[in-house]
Amino acid sequence: MQVTGTMRGRDLYISLSGEMDECSAQDARTKCDKLIENNLNARKIIINLSEVAFMDSTGIGFLIGRYKKANKLSIPLYIHKPNFAADKILNLSGIYSLIPKAE
């Protein structure tokens, strides 16, 4: 799992690519949290899932953890461009009631 982050204006864009599973989640959590902590002035955080080839329930836990971190910092979090399979899992989980999709 690769994690990259860029600031665009005051918005932090975090892009994930690869497979989000139990093996890759811890490293992705660490990298993502570091990006958030290094950009505390962000107006919002957008997590781009367009390059995530596979995601299981570990991905839901990953996103909820980042939501909790961002929420404590009063920074809204959004999910951007999940592929069809990931979107289906996220819909079924009800995660969009916590973390809306970015348009």
PDB file of N, CA and C in Angstrom:
ATOM      1  N   MET A   1       0.846  -1.172   0.000  1.00  0.00           N
ATOM      2  CA  MET A   1       0.000   0.000   0.000  1.00  0.00           C
ATOM      3  C   MET A   1       0.889   1.230   0.000  1.00  0.00           C
ATOM      4  N   GLN A   2       0.693   2.083  -0.968  1.00  0.00           N
ATOM      5  CA  GLN A   2       1.403   3.354  -1.018  1.00  0.00           C
ATOM      6  C   GLN A   2       0.477   4.458  -0.535  1.00  0.00           C
ATOM      7  N   VAL A   3       1.046   5.366   0.236  1.00  0.00           N
ATOM      8  CA  VAL A   3       0.305   6.503   0.776  1.00  0.00           C
ATOM      9  C   VAL A   3       1.070   7.760   0.407  1.00  0.00           C
ATOM     10  N   THR A   4       0.394   8.676  -0.287  1.00  0.00           N
ATOM     11  CA  THR A   4       1.013   9.958  -0.618  1.00  0.00           C
ATOM     12  C   THR A   4       0.060  11.065  -0.206  1.00  0.00           C
ATOM     13  N   GLY A   5       0.623  12.196   0.139  1.00  0.00           N
ATOM     14  CA  GLY A   5      -0.195  13.330   0.546  1.00  0.00           C
ATOM     15  C   GLY A   5       0.306  14.621  -0.051  1.00  0.00           C
ATOM     16  N   THR A   6      -0.629  15.472  -0.426  1.00  0.00           N
ATOM     17  CA  THR A   6      -0.295  16.796  -0.938  1.00  0.00           C
ATOM     18  C   THR A   6      -1.322  17.793  -0.427  1.00  0.00           C
ATOM     19  N   MET A   7      -0.843  18.994  -0.190  1.00  0.00           N
ATOM     20  CA  MET A   7      -1.744  20.089   0.154  1.00  0.00           C
ATOM     21  C   MET A   7      -2.111  20.816  -1.134  1.00  0.00           C
ATOM     22  N   ARG A   8      -3.386  21.053  -1.331  1.00  0.00           N
ATOM     23  CA  ARG A   8      -3.886  21.858  -2.446  1.00  0.00           C
ATOM     24  C   ARG A   8      -4.668  22.986  -1.805  1.00  0.00           C
ATOM     25  N   GLY A   9      -4.043  24.140  -1.773  1.00  0.00           N
ATOM     26  CA  GLY A   9      -4.628  25.226  -1.004  1.00  0.00           C
ATOM     27  C   GLY A   9      -4.545  24.840   0.456  1.00  0.00           C
ATOM     28  N   ARG A  10      -5.693  24.800   1.130  1.00  0.00           N
ATOM     29  CA  ARG A  10      -5.725  24.380   2.537  1.00  0.00           C
ATOM     30  C   ARG A  10      -6.334  22.994   2.707  1.00  0.00           C
ATOM     31  N   ASP A  11      -6.457  22.245   1.598  1.00  0.00           N
ATOM     32  CA  ASP A  11      -7.036  20.906   1.653  1.00  0.00           C
ATOM     33  C   ASP A  11      -5.934  19.860   1.543  1.00  0.00           C
ATOM     34  N   LEU A  12      -5.959  18.879   2.439  1.00  0.00           N
ATOM     35  CA  LEU A  12      -4.992  17.793   2.417  1.00  0.00           C
ATOM     36  C   LEU A  12      -5.580  16.628   1.635  1.00  0.00           C
ATOM     37  N   TYR A  13      -4.926  16.275   0.535  1.00  0.00           N
ATOM     38  CA  TYR A  13      -5.319  15.138  -0.287  1.00  0.00           C
ATOM     39  C   TYR A  13      -4.394  13.974   0.030  1.00  0.00           C
ATOM     40  N   ILE A  14      -4.978  12.881   0.490  1.00  0.00           N
ATOM     41  CA  ILE A  14      -4.214  11.669   0.776  1.00  0.00           C
ATOM     42  C   ILE A  14      -4.661  10.612  -0.225  1.00  0.00           C
ATOM     43  N   SER A  15      -3.708  10.119  -1.010  1.00  0.00           N
ATOM     44  CA  SER A  15      -4.006   9.104  -2.022  1.00  0.00           C
ATOM     45  C   SER A  15      -3.443   7.763  -1.585  1.00  0.00           C
ATOM     46  N   LEU A  16      -4.283   6.752  -1.681  1.00  0.00           N
ATOM     47  CA  LEU A  16      -3.882   5.389  -1.366  1.00  0.00           C
ATOM     48  C   LEU A  16      -3.864   4.579  -2.648  1.00  0.00           C
ATOM     49  N   SER A  17      -2.874   3.709  -2.782  1.00  0.00           N
ATOM     50  CA  SER A  17      -2.852   2.818  -3.942  1.00  0.00           C
ATOM     51  C   SER A  17      -2.312   1.461  -3.513  1.00  0.00           C
ATOM     52  N   GLY A  18      -2.891   0.429  -4.095  1.00  0.00           N
ATOM     53  CA  GLY A  18      -2.512  -0.936  -3.755  1.00  0.00           C
ATOM     54  C   GLY A  18      -3.660  -1.654  -3.085  1.00  0.00           C
ATOM     55  N   GLU A  19      -3.323  -2.601  -2.215  1.00  0.00           N
ATOM     56  CA  GLU A  19      -4.325  -3.397  -1.519  1.00  0.00           C
ATOM     57  C   GLU A  19      -4.405  -2.999  -0.051  1.00  0.00           C
ATOM     58  N   MET A  20      -5.623  -2.765   0.415  1.00  0.00           N
ATOM     59  CA  MET A  20      -5.848  -2.420   1.816  1.00  0.00           C
ATOM     60  C   MET A  20      -6.358  -3.677   2.522  1.00  0.00           C
ATOM     61  N   ASP A  21      -5.435  -4.346   3.212  1.00  0.00           N
ATOM     62  CA  ASP A  21      -5.791  -5.535   3.970  1.00  0.00           C
ATOM     63  C   ASP A  21      -5.008  -5.538   5.280  1.00  0.00           C
ATOM     64  N   GLU A  22      -5.150  -6.592   6.033  1.00  0.00           N
ATOM     65  CA  GLU A  22      -4.505  -6.667   7.344  1.00  0.00           C
ATOM     66  C   GLU A  22      -2.992  -6.479   7.258  1.00  0.00           C
ATOM     67  N   CYS A  23      -2.380  -6.972   6.193  1.00  0.00           N
ATOM     68  CA  CYS A  23      -0.918  -6.874   6.048  1.00  0.00           C
ATOM     69  C   CYS A  23      -0.442  -5.450   5.790  1.00  0.00           C
ATOM     70  N   SER A  24      -1.220  -4.667   5.096  1.00  0.00           N
ATOM     71  CA  SER A  24      -0.785  -3.322   4.705  1.00  0.00           C
ATOM     72  C   SER A  24      -1.348  -2.209   5.578  1.00  0.00           C
ATOM     73  N   ALA A  25      -2.329  -2.509   6.393  1.00  0.00           N
ATOM     74  CA  ALA A  25      -3.062  -1.466   7.111  1.00  0.00           C
ATOM     75  C   ALA A  25      -2.205  -0.706   8.121  1.00  0.00           C
ATOM     76  N   GLN A  26      -1.367  -1.379   8.882  1.00  0.00           N
ATOM     77  CA  GLN A  26      -0.600  -0.694   9.925  1.00  0.00           C
ATOM     78  C   GLN A  26       0.337   0.356   9.335  1.00  0.00           C
ATOM     79  N   ASP A  27       1.032  -0.005   8.272  1.00  0.00           N
ATOM     80  CA  ASP A  27       1.936   0.961   7.630  1.00  0.00           C
ATOM     81  C   ASP A  27       1.145   2.139   7.060  1.00  0.00           C
ATOM     82  N   ALA A  28      -0.003   1.846   6.446  1.00  0.00           N
ATOM     83  CA  ALA A  28      -0.839   2.912   5.889  1.00  0.00           C
ATOM     84  C   ALA A  28      -1.353   3.828   6.999  1.00  0.00           C
ATOM     85  N   ARG A  29      -1.737   3.258   8.146  1.00  0.00           N
ATOM     86  CA  ARG A  29      -2.199   4.065   9.293  1.00  0.00           C
ATOM     87  C   ARG A  29      -1.108   5.022   9.751  1.00  0.00           C
ATOM     88  N   THR A  30       0.090   4.490   9.903  1.00  0.00           N
ATOM     89  CA  THR A  30       1.214   5.298  10.375  1.00  0.00           C
ATOM     90  C   THR A  30       1.511   6.450   9.420  1.00  0.00           C
ATOM     91  N   LYS A  31       1.574   6.155   8.137  1.00  0.00           N
ATOM     92  CA  LYS A  31       1.879   7.190   7.141  1.00  0.00           C
ATOM     93  C   LYS A  31       0.767   8.234   7.058  1.00  0.00           C
ATOM     94  N   CYS A  32      -0.466   7.776   7.075  1.00  0.00           N
ATOM     95  CA  CYS A  32      -1.606   8.682   6.986  1.00  0.00           C
ATOM     96  C   CYS A  32      -1.679   9.592   8.211  1.00  0.00           C
ATOM     97  N   ASP A  33      -1.492   9.018   9.386  1.00  0.00           N
ATOM     98  CA  ASP A  33      -1.525   9.812  10.622  1.00  0.00           C
ATOM     99  C   ASP A  33      -0.409  10.850  10.633  1.00  0.00           C
ATOM    100  N   LYS A  34       0.752  10.489  10.119  1.00  0.00           N
ATOM    101  CA  LYS A  34       1.862  11.436  10.066  1.00  0.00           C
ATOM    102  C   LYS A  34       1.525  12.603   9.134  1.00  0.00           C
ATOM    103  N   LEU A  35       0.896  12.302   7.992  1.00  0.00           N
ATOM    104  CA  LEU A  35       0.477  13.367   7.073  1.00  0.00           C
ATOM    105  C   LEU A  35      -0.515  14.309   7.751  1.00  0.00           C
ATOM    106  N   ILE A  36      -1.463  13.748   8.484  1.00  0.00           N
ATOM    107  CA  ILE A  36      -2.452  14.578   9.177  1.00  0.00           C
ATOM    108  C   ILE A  36      -1.772  15.440  10.237  1.00  0.00           C
ATOM    109  N   GLU A  37      -0.905  14.823  11.028  1.00  0.00           N
ATOM    110  CA  GLU A  37      -0.223  15.557  12.098  1.00  0.00           C
ATOM    111  C   GLU A  37       0.693  16.661  11.557  1.00  0.00           C
ATOM    112  N   ASN A  38       1.230  16.474  10.364  1.00  0.00           N
ATOM    113  CA  ASN A  38       2.103  17.482   9.759  1.00  0.00           C
ATOM    114  C   ASN A  38       1.324  18.581   9.032  1.00  0.00           C
ATOM    115  N   ASN A  39       0.005  18.444   8.968  1.00  0.00           N
ATOM    116  CA  ASN A  39      -0.826  19.425   8.259  1.00  0.00           C
ATOM    117  C   ASN A  39      -2.049  19.785   9.092  1.00  0.00           C
ATOM    118  N   LEU A  40      -1.819  20.179  10.321  1.00  0.00           N
ATOM    119  CA  LEU A  40      -2.915  20.491  11.237  1.00  0.00           C
ATOM    120  C   LEU A  40      -3.716  21.718  10.827  1.00  0.00           C
ATOM    121  N   ASN A  41      -3.176  22.507   9.901  1.00  0.00           N
ATOM    122  CA  ASN A  41      -3.900  23.691   9.431  1.00  0.00           C
ATOM    123  C   ASN A  41      -4.836  23.377   8.263  1.00  0.00           C
ATOM    124  N   ALA A  42      -4.954  22.098   7.907  1.00  0.00           N
ATOM    125  CA  ALA A  42      -5.819  21.723   6.781  1.00  0.00           C
ATOM    126  C   ALA A  42      -7.270  22.080   7.082  1.00  0.00           C
ATOM    127  N   ARG A  43      -7.952  22.557   6.052  1.00  0.00           N
ATOM    128  CA  ARG A  43      -9.375  22.880   6.171  1.00  0.00           C
ATOM    129  C   ARG A  43     -10.219  21.606   6.084  1.00  0.00           C
ATOM    130  N   LYS A  44      -9.766  20.646   5.259  1.00  0.00           N
ATOM    131  CA  LYS A  44     -10.424  19.350   5.148  1.00  0.00           C
ATOM    132  C   LYS A  44      -9.421  18.326   4.645  1.00  0.00           C
ATOM    133  N   ILE A  45      -9.748  17.071   4.874  1.00  0.00           N
ATOM    134  CA  ILE A  45      -8.911  15.959   4.440  1.00  0.00           C
ATOM    135  C   ILE A  45      -9.727  15.120   3.470  1.00  0.00           C
ATOM    136  N   ILE A  46      -9.132  14.838   2.323  1.00  0.00           N
ATOM    137  CA  ILE A  46      -9.803  14.048   1.298  1.00  0.00           C
ATOM    138  C   ILE A  46      -8.949  12.813   1.038  1.00  0.00           C
ATOM    139  N   ILE A  47      -9.532  11.647   1.280  1.00  0.00           N
ATOM    140  CA  ILE A  47      -8.811  10.396   1.051  1.00  0.00           C
ATOM    141  C   ILE A  47      -9.262   9.815  -0.284  1.00  0.00           C
ATOM    142  N   ASN A  48      -8.329   9.769  -1.234  1.00  0.00           N
ATOM    143  CA  ASN A  48      -8.593   9.283  -2.584  1.00  0.00           C
ATOM    144  C   ASN A  48      -8.359   7.776  -2.628  1.00  0.00           C
ATOM    145  N   LEU A  49      -9.398   7.034  -2.967  1.00  0.00           N
ATOM    146  CA  LEU A  49      -9.324   5.574  -3.029  1.00  0.00           C
ATOM    147  C   LEU A  49      -9.337   5.039  -4.452  1.00  0.00           C
ATOM    148  N   SER A  50      -9.144   5.894  -5.445  1.00  0.00           N
ATOM    149  CA  SER A  50      -9.275   5.466  -6.843  1.00  0.00           C
ATOM    150  C   SER A  50      -8.255   4.413  -7.252  1.00  0.00           C
ATOM    151  N   GLU A  51      -7.116   4.359  -6.580  1.00  0.00           N
ATOM    152  CA  GLU A  51      -6.071   3.401  -6.936  1.00  0.00           C
ATOM    153  C   GLU A  51      -6.014   2.207  -5.981  1.00  0.00           C
ATOM    154  N   VAL A  52      -7.023   2.060  -5.128  1.00  0.00           N
ATOM    155  CA  VAL A  52      -7.068   0.916  -4.219  1.00  0.00           C
ATOM    156  C   VAL A  52      -7.681  -0.256  -4.979  1.00  0.00           C
ATOM    157  N   ALA A  53      -6.855  -1.284  -5.210  1.00  0.00           N
ATOM    158  CA  ALA A  53      -7.289  -2.430  -6.008  1.00  0.00           C
ATOM    159  C   ALA A  53      -8.158  -3.398  -5.210  1.00  0.00           C
ATOM    160  N   PHE A  54      -7.936  -3.466  -3.898  1.00  0.00           N
ATOM    161  CA  PHE A  54      -8.676  -4.396  -3.048  1.00  0.00           C
ATOM    162  C   PHE A  54      -8.818  -3.784  -1.668  1.00  0.00           C
ATOM    163  N   MET A  55      -9.986  -3.961  -1.080  1.00  0.00           N
ATOM    164  CA  MET A  55     -10.198  -3.491   0.282  1.00  0.00           C
ATOM    165  C   MET A  55     -11.188  -4.420   0.963  1.00  0.00           C
ATOM    166  N   ASP A  56     -10.823  -4.875   2.161  1.00  0.00           N
ATOM    167  CA  ASP A  56     -11.742  -5.687   2.953  1.00  0.00           C
ATOM    168  C   ASP A  56     -12.175  -4.881   4.180  1.00  0.00           C
ATOM    169  N   SER A  57     -12.685  -5.544   5.189  1.00  0.00           N
ATOM    170  CA  SER A  57     -13.176  -4.834   6.367  1.00  0.00           C
ATOM    171  C   SER A  57     -12.068  -4.064   7.090  1.00  0.00           C
ATOM    172  N   THR A  58     -10.824  -4.449   6.879  1.00  0.00           N
ATOM    173  CA  THR A  58      -9.707  -3.709   7.456  1.00  0.00           C
ATOM    174  C   THR A  58      -9.713  -2.265   6.952  1.00  0.00           C
ATOM    175  N   GLY A  59     -10.096  -2.081   5.703  1.00  0.00           N
ATOM    176  CA  GLY A  59     -10.170  -0.739   5.126  1.00  0.00           C
ATOM    177  C   GLY A  59     -11.216   0.123   5.813  1.00  0.00           C
ATOM    178  N   ILE A  60     -12.313  -0.492   6.214  1.00  0.00           N
ATOM    179  CA  ILE A  60     -13.351   0.242   6.944  1.00  0.00           C
ATOM    180  C   ILE A  60     -12.793   0.699   8.289  1.00  0.00           C
ATOM    181  N   GLY A  61     -12.103  -0.188   8.971  1.00  0.00           N
ATOM    182  CA  GLY A  61     -11.482   0.175  10.250  1.00  0.00           C
ATOM    183  C   GLY A  61     -10.443   1.267  10.076  1.00  0.00           C
ATOM    184  N   PHE A  62      -9.673   1.187   9.007  1.00  0.00           N
ATOM    185  CA  PHE A  62      -8.683   2.211   8.694  1.00  0.00           C
ATOM    186  C   PHE A  62      -9.360   3.575   8.539  1.00  0.00           C
ATOM    187  N   LEU A  63     -10.418   3.629   7.755  1.00  0.00           N
ATOM    188  CA  LEU A  63     -11.118   4.894   7.509  1.00  0.00           C
ATOM    189  C   LEU A  63     -11.766   5.434   8.786  1.00  0.00           C
ATOM    190  N   ILE A  64     -12.354   4.570   9.591  1.00  0.00           N
ATOM    191  CA  ILE A  64     -12.970   5.029  10.841  1.00  0.00           C
ATOM    192  C   ILE A  64     -11.911   5.585  11.783  1.00  0.00           C
ATOM    193  N   GLY A  65     -10.751   4.954  11.826  1.00  0.00           N
ATOM    194  CA  GLY A  65      -9.662   5.470  12.658  1.00  0.00           C
ATOM    195  C   GLY A  65      -9.199   6.843  12.220  1.00  0.00           C
ATOM    196  N   ARG A  66      -9.103   7.061  10.909  1.00  0.00           N
ATOM    197  CA  ARG A  66      -8.694   8.373  10.408  1.00  0.00           C
ATOM    198  C   ARG A  66      -9.796   9.396  10.651  1.00  0.00           C
ATOM    199  N   TYR A  67     -11.066   8.957  10.564  1.00  0.00           N
ATOM    200  CA  TYR A  67     -12.189   9.846  10.875  1.00  0.00           C
ATOM    201  C   TYR A  67     -12.101  10.319  12.328  1.00  0.00           C
ATOM    202  N   LYS A  68     -11.851   9.392  13.248  1.00  0.00           N
ATOM    203  CA  LYS A  68     -11.761   9.752  14.667  1.00  0.00           C
ATOM    204  C   LYS A  68     -10.621  10.736  14.906  1.00  0.00           C
ATOM    205  N   LYS A  69      -9.481  10.503  14.269  1.00  0.00           N
ATOM    206  CA  LYS A  69      -8.337  11.395  14.422  1.00  0.00           C
ATOM    207  C   LYS A  69      -8.675  12.791  13.892  1.00  0.00           C
ATOM    208  N   ALA A  70      -9.249  12.848  12.695  1.00  0.00           N
ATOM    209  CA  ALA A  70      -9.598  14.135  12.087  1.00  0.00           C
ATOM    210  C   ALA A  70     -10.688  14.835  12.906  1.00  0.00           C
ATOM    211  N   ASN A  71     -11.639  14.072  13.404  1.00  0.00           N
ATOM    212  CA  ASN A  71     -12.733  14.643  14.184  1.00  0.00           C
ATOM    213  C   ASN A  71     -12.208  15.298  15.465  1.00  0.00           C
ATOM    214  N   LYS A  72     -11.244  14.663  16.125  1.00  0.00           N
ATOM    215  CA  LYS A  72     -10.640  15.249  17.333  1.00  0.00           C
ATOM    216  C   LYS A  72      -9.954  16.570  17.019  1.00  0.00           C
ATOM    217  N   LEU A  73      -9.473  16.702  15.783  1.00  0.00           N
ATOM    218  CA  LEU A  73      -8.787  17.919  15.352  1.00  0.00           C
ATOM    219  C   LEU A  73      -9.748  18.916  14.705  1.00  0.00           C
ATOM    220  N   SER A  74     -11.029  18.577  14.672  1.00  0.00           N
ATOM    221  CA  SER A  74     -12.074  19.402  14.045  1.00  0.00           C
ATOM    222  C   SER A  74     -11.803  19.648  12.562  1.00  0.00           C
ATOM    223  N   ILE A  75     -11.298  18.609  11.879  1.00  0.00           N
ATOM    224  CA  ILE A  75     -11.059  18.686  10.435  1.00  0.00           C
ATOM    225  C   ILE A  75     -11.997  17.686   9.766  1.00  0.00           C
ATOM    226  N   PRO A  76     -12.883  18.139   8.876  1.00  0.00           N
ATOM    227  CA  PRO A  76     -13.773  17.189   8.204  1.00  0.00           C
ATOM    228  C   PRO A  76     -12.995  16.274   7.257  1.00  0.00           C
ATOM    229  N   LEU A  77     -13.456  15.034   7.151  1.00  0.00           N
ATOM    230  CA  LEU A  77     -12.820  14.009   6.335  1.00  0.00           C
ATOM    231  C   LEU A  77     -13.793  13.555   5.262  1.00  0.00           C
ATOM    232  N   TYR A  78     -13.288  13.341   4.053  1.00  0.00           N
ATOM    233  CA  TYR A  78     -14.103  12.914   2.917  1.00  0.00           C
ATOM    234  C   TYR A  78     -13.434  11.749   2.206  1.00  0.00           C
ATOM    235  N   ILE A  79     -14.253  10.903   1.596  1.00  0.00           N
ATOM    236  CA  ILE A  79     -13.778   9.798   0.758  1.00  0.00           C
ATOM    237  C   ILE A  79     -13.973  10.213  -0.692  1.00  0.00           C
ATOM    238  N   HIS A  80     -12.943   9.980  -1.500  1.00  0.00           N
ATOM    239  CA  HIS A  80     -12.985  10.404  -2.892  1.00  0.00           C
ATOM    240  C   HIS A  80     -12.697   9.228  -3.826  1.00  0.00           C
ATOM    241  N   LYS A  81     -13.523   9.062  -4.823  1.00  0.00           N
ATOM    242  CA  LYS A  81     -13.353   8.122  -5.924  1.00  0.00           C
ATOM    243  C   LYS A  81     -13.092   6.671  -5.537  1.00  0.00           C
ATOM    244  N   PRO A  82     -13.899   6.086  -4.653  1.00  0.00           N
ATOM    245  CA  PRO A  82     -13.712   4.652  -4.412  1.00  0.00           C
ATOM    246  C   PRO A  82     -14.118   3.871  -5.667  1.00  0.00           C
ATOM    247  N   ASN A  83     -13.402   2.780  -5.963  1.00  0.00           N
ATOM    248  CA  ASN A  83     -13.805   1.979  -7.111  1.00  0.00           C
ATOM    249  C   ASN A  83     -15.122   1.266  -6.794  1.00  0.00           C
ATOM    250  N   PHE A  84     -15.675   0.590  -7.764  1.00  0.00           N
ATOM    251  CA  PHE A  84     -16.998  -0.012  -7.610  1.00  0.00           C
ATOM    252  C   PHE A  84     -17.051  -0.977  -6.428  1.00  0.00           C
ATOM    253  N   ALA A  85     -16.054  -1.870  -6.322  1.00  0.00           N
ATOM    254  CA  ALA A  85     -16.059  -2.872  -5.247  1.00  0.00           C
ATOM    255  C   ALA A  85     -15.917  -2.215  -3.872  1.00  0.00           C
ATOM    256  N   ALA A  86     -15.014  -1.256  -3.757  1.00  0.00           N
ATOM    257  CA  ALA A  86     -14.831  -0.556  -2.477  1.00  0.00           C
ATOM    258  C   ALA A  86     -16.085   0.230  -2.128  1.00  0.00           C
ATOM    259  N   ASP A  87     -16.674   0.883  -3.111  1.00  0.00           N
ATOM    260  CA  ASP A  87     -17.886   1.660  -2.867  1.00  0.00           C
ATOM    261  C   ASP A  87     -19.012   0.773  -2.347  1.00  0.00           C
ATOM    262  N   LYS A  88     -19.111  -0.418  -2.882  1.00  0.00           N
ATOM    263  CA  LYS A  88     -20.144  -1.355  -2.449  1.00  0.00           C
ATOM    264  C   LYS A  88     -19.940  -1.735  -0.980  1.00  0.00           C
ATOM    265  N   ILE A  89     -18.705  -2.041  -0.600  1.00  0.00           N
ATOM    266  CA  ILE A  89     -18.391  -2.389   0.787  1.00  0.00           C
ATOM    267  C   ILE A  89     -18.679  -1.201   1.706  1.00  0.00           C
ATOM    268  N   LEU A  90     -18.273  -0.017   1.272  1.00  0.00           N
ATOM    269  CA  LEU A  90     -18.468   1.179   2.099  1.00  0.00           C
ATOM    270  C   LEU A  90     -19.951   1.501   2.257  1.00  0.00           C
ATOM    271  N   ASN A  91     -20.725   1.334   1.199  1.00  0.00           N
ATOM    272  CA  ASN A  91     -22.174   1.539   1.290  1.00  0.00           C
ATOM    273  C   ASN A  91     -22.807   0.566   2.269  1.00  0.00           C
ATOM    274  N   LEU A  92     -22.468  -0.712   2.144  1.00  0.00           N
ATOM    275  CA  LEU A  92     -23.034  -1.730   3.023  1.00  0.00           C
ATOM    276  C   LEU A  92     -22.669  -1.488   4.484  1.00  0.00           C
ATOM    277  N   SER A  93     -21.483  -0.957   4.719  1.00  0.00           N
ATOM    278  CA  SER A  93     -21.033  -0.720   6.095  1.00  0.00           C
ATOM    279  C   SER A  93     -21.720   0.487   6.730  1.00  0.00           C
ATOM    280  N   GLY A  94     -22.260   1.364   5.900  1.00  0.00           N
ATOM    281  CA  GLY A  94     -22.877   2.579   6.415  1.00  0.00           C
ATOM    282  C   GLY A  94     -21.876   3.685   6.721  1.00  0.00           C
ATOM    283  N   ILE A  95     -20.656   3.537   6.260  1.00  0.00           N
ATOM    284  CA  ILE A  95     -19.601   4.499   6.596  1.00  0.00           C
ATOM    285  C   ILE A  95     -19.888   5.895   6.037  1.00  0.00           C
ATOM    286  N   TYR A  96     -20.668   5.963   4.972  1.00  0.00           N
ATOM    287  CA  TYR A  96     -20.945   7.272   4.389  1.00  0.00           C
ATOM    288  C   TYR A  96     -21.785   8.164   5.321  1.00  0.00           C
ATOM    289  N   SER A  97     -22.379   7.579   6.340  1.00  0.00           N
ATOM    290  CA  SER A  97     -23.090   8.418   7.310  1.00  0.00           C
ATOM    291  C   SER A  97     -22.097   9.167   8.205  1.00  0.00           C
ATOM    292  N   LEU A  98     -20.877   8.664   8.326  1.00  0.00           N
ATOM    293  CA  LEU A  98     -19.809   9.348   9.079  1.00  0.00           C
ATOM    294  C   LEU A  98     -18.900  10.163   8.167  1.00  0.00           C
ATOM    295  N   ILE A  99     -18.503   9.523   7.066  1.00  0.00           N
ATOM    296  CA  ILE A  99     -17.523  10.135   6.162  1.00  0.00           C
ATOM    297  C   ILE A  99     -18.187  10.251   4.787  1.00  0.00           C
ATOM    298  N   PRO A 100     -18.601  11.441   4.407  1.00  0.00           N
ATOM    299  CA  PRO A 100     -19.260  11.589   3.109  1.00  0.00           C
ATOM    300  C   PRO A 100     -18.285  11.480   1.942  1.00  0.00           C
ATOM    301  N   LYS A 101     -18.854  11.234   0.781  1.00  0.00           N
ATOM    302  CA  LYS A 101     -18.059  11.234  -0.440  1.00  0.00           C
ATOM    303  C   LYS A 101     -17.774  12.671  -0.845  1.00  0.00           C
ATOM    304  N   ALA A 102     -16.560  12.896  -1.330  1.00  0.00           N
ATOM    305  CA  ALA A 102     -16.208  14.208  -1.894  1.00  0.00           C
ATOM    306  C   ALA A 102     -16.653  14.183  -3.357  1.00  0.00           C
ATOM    307  N   GLU A 103     -17.249  15.245  -3.773  1.00  0.00           N
ATOM    308  CA  GLU A 103     -17.712  15.311  -5.180  1.00  0.00           C
ATOM    309  C   GLU A 103     -16.702  16.030  -6.034  1.00  0.00           C
TER     310      GLU A 103
END
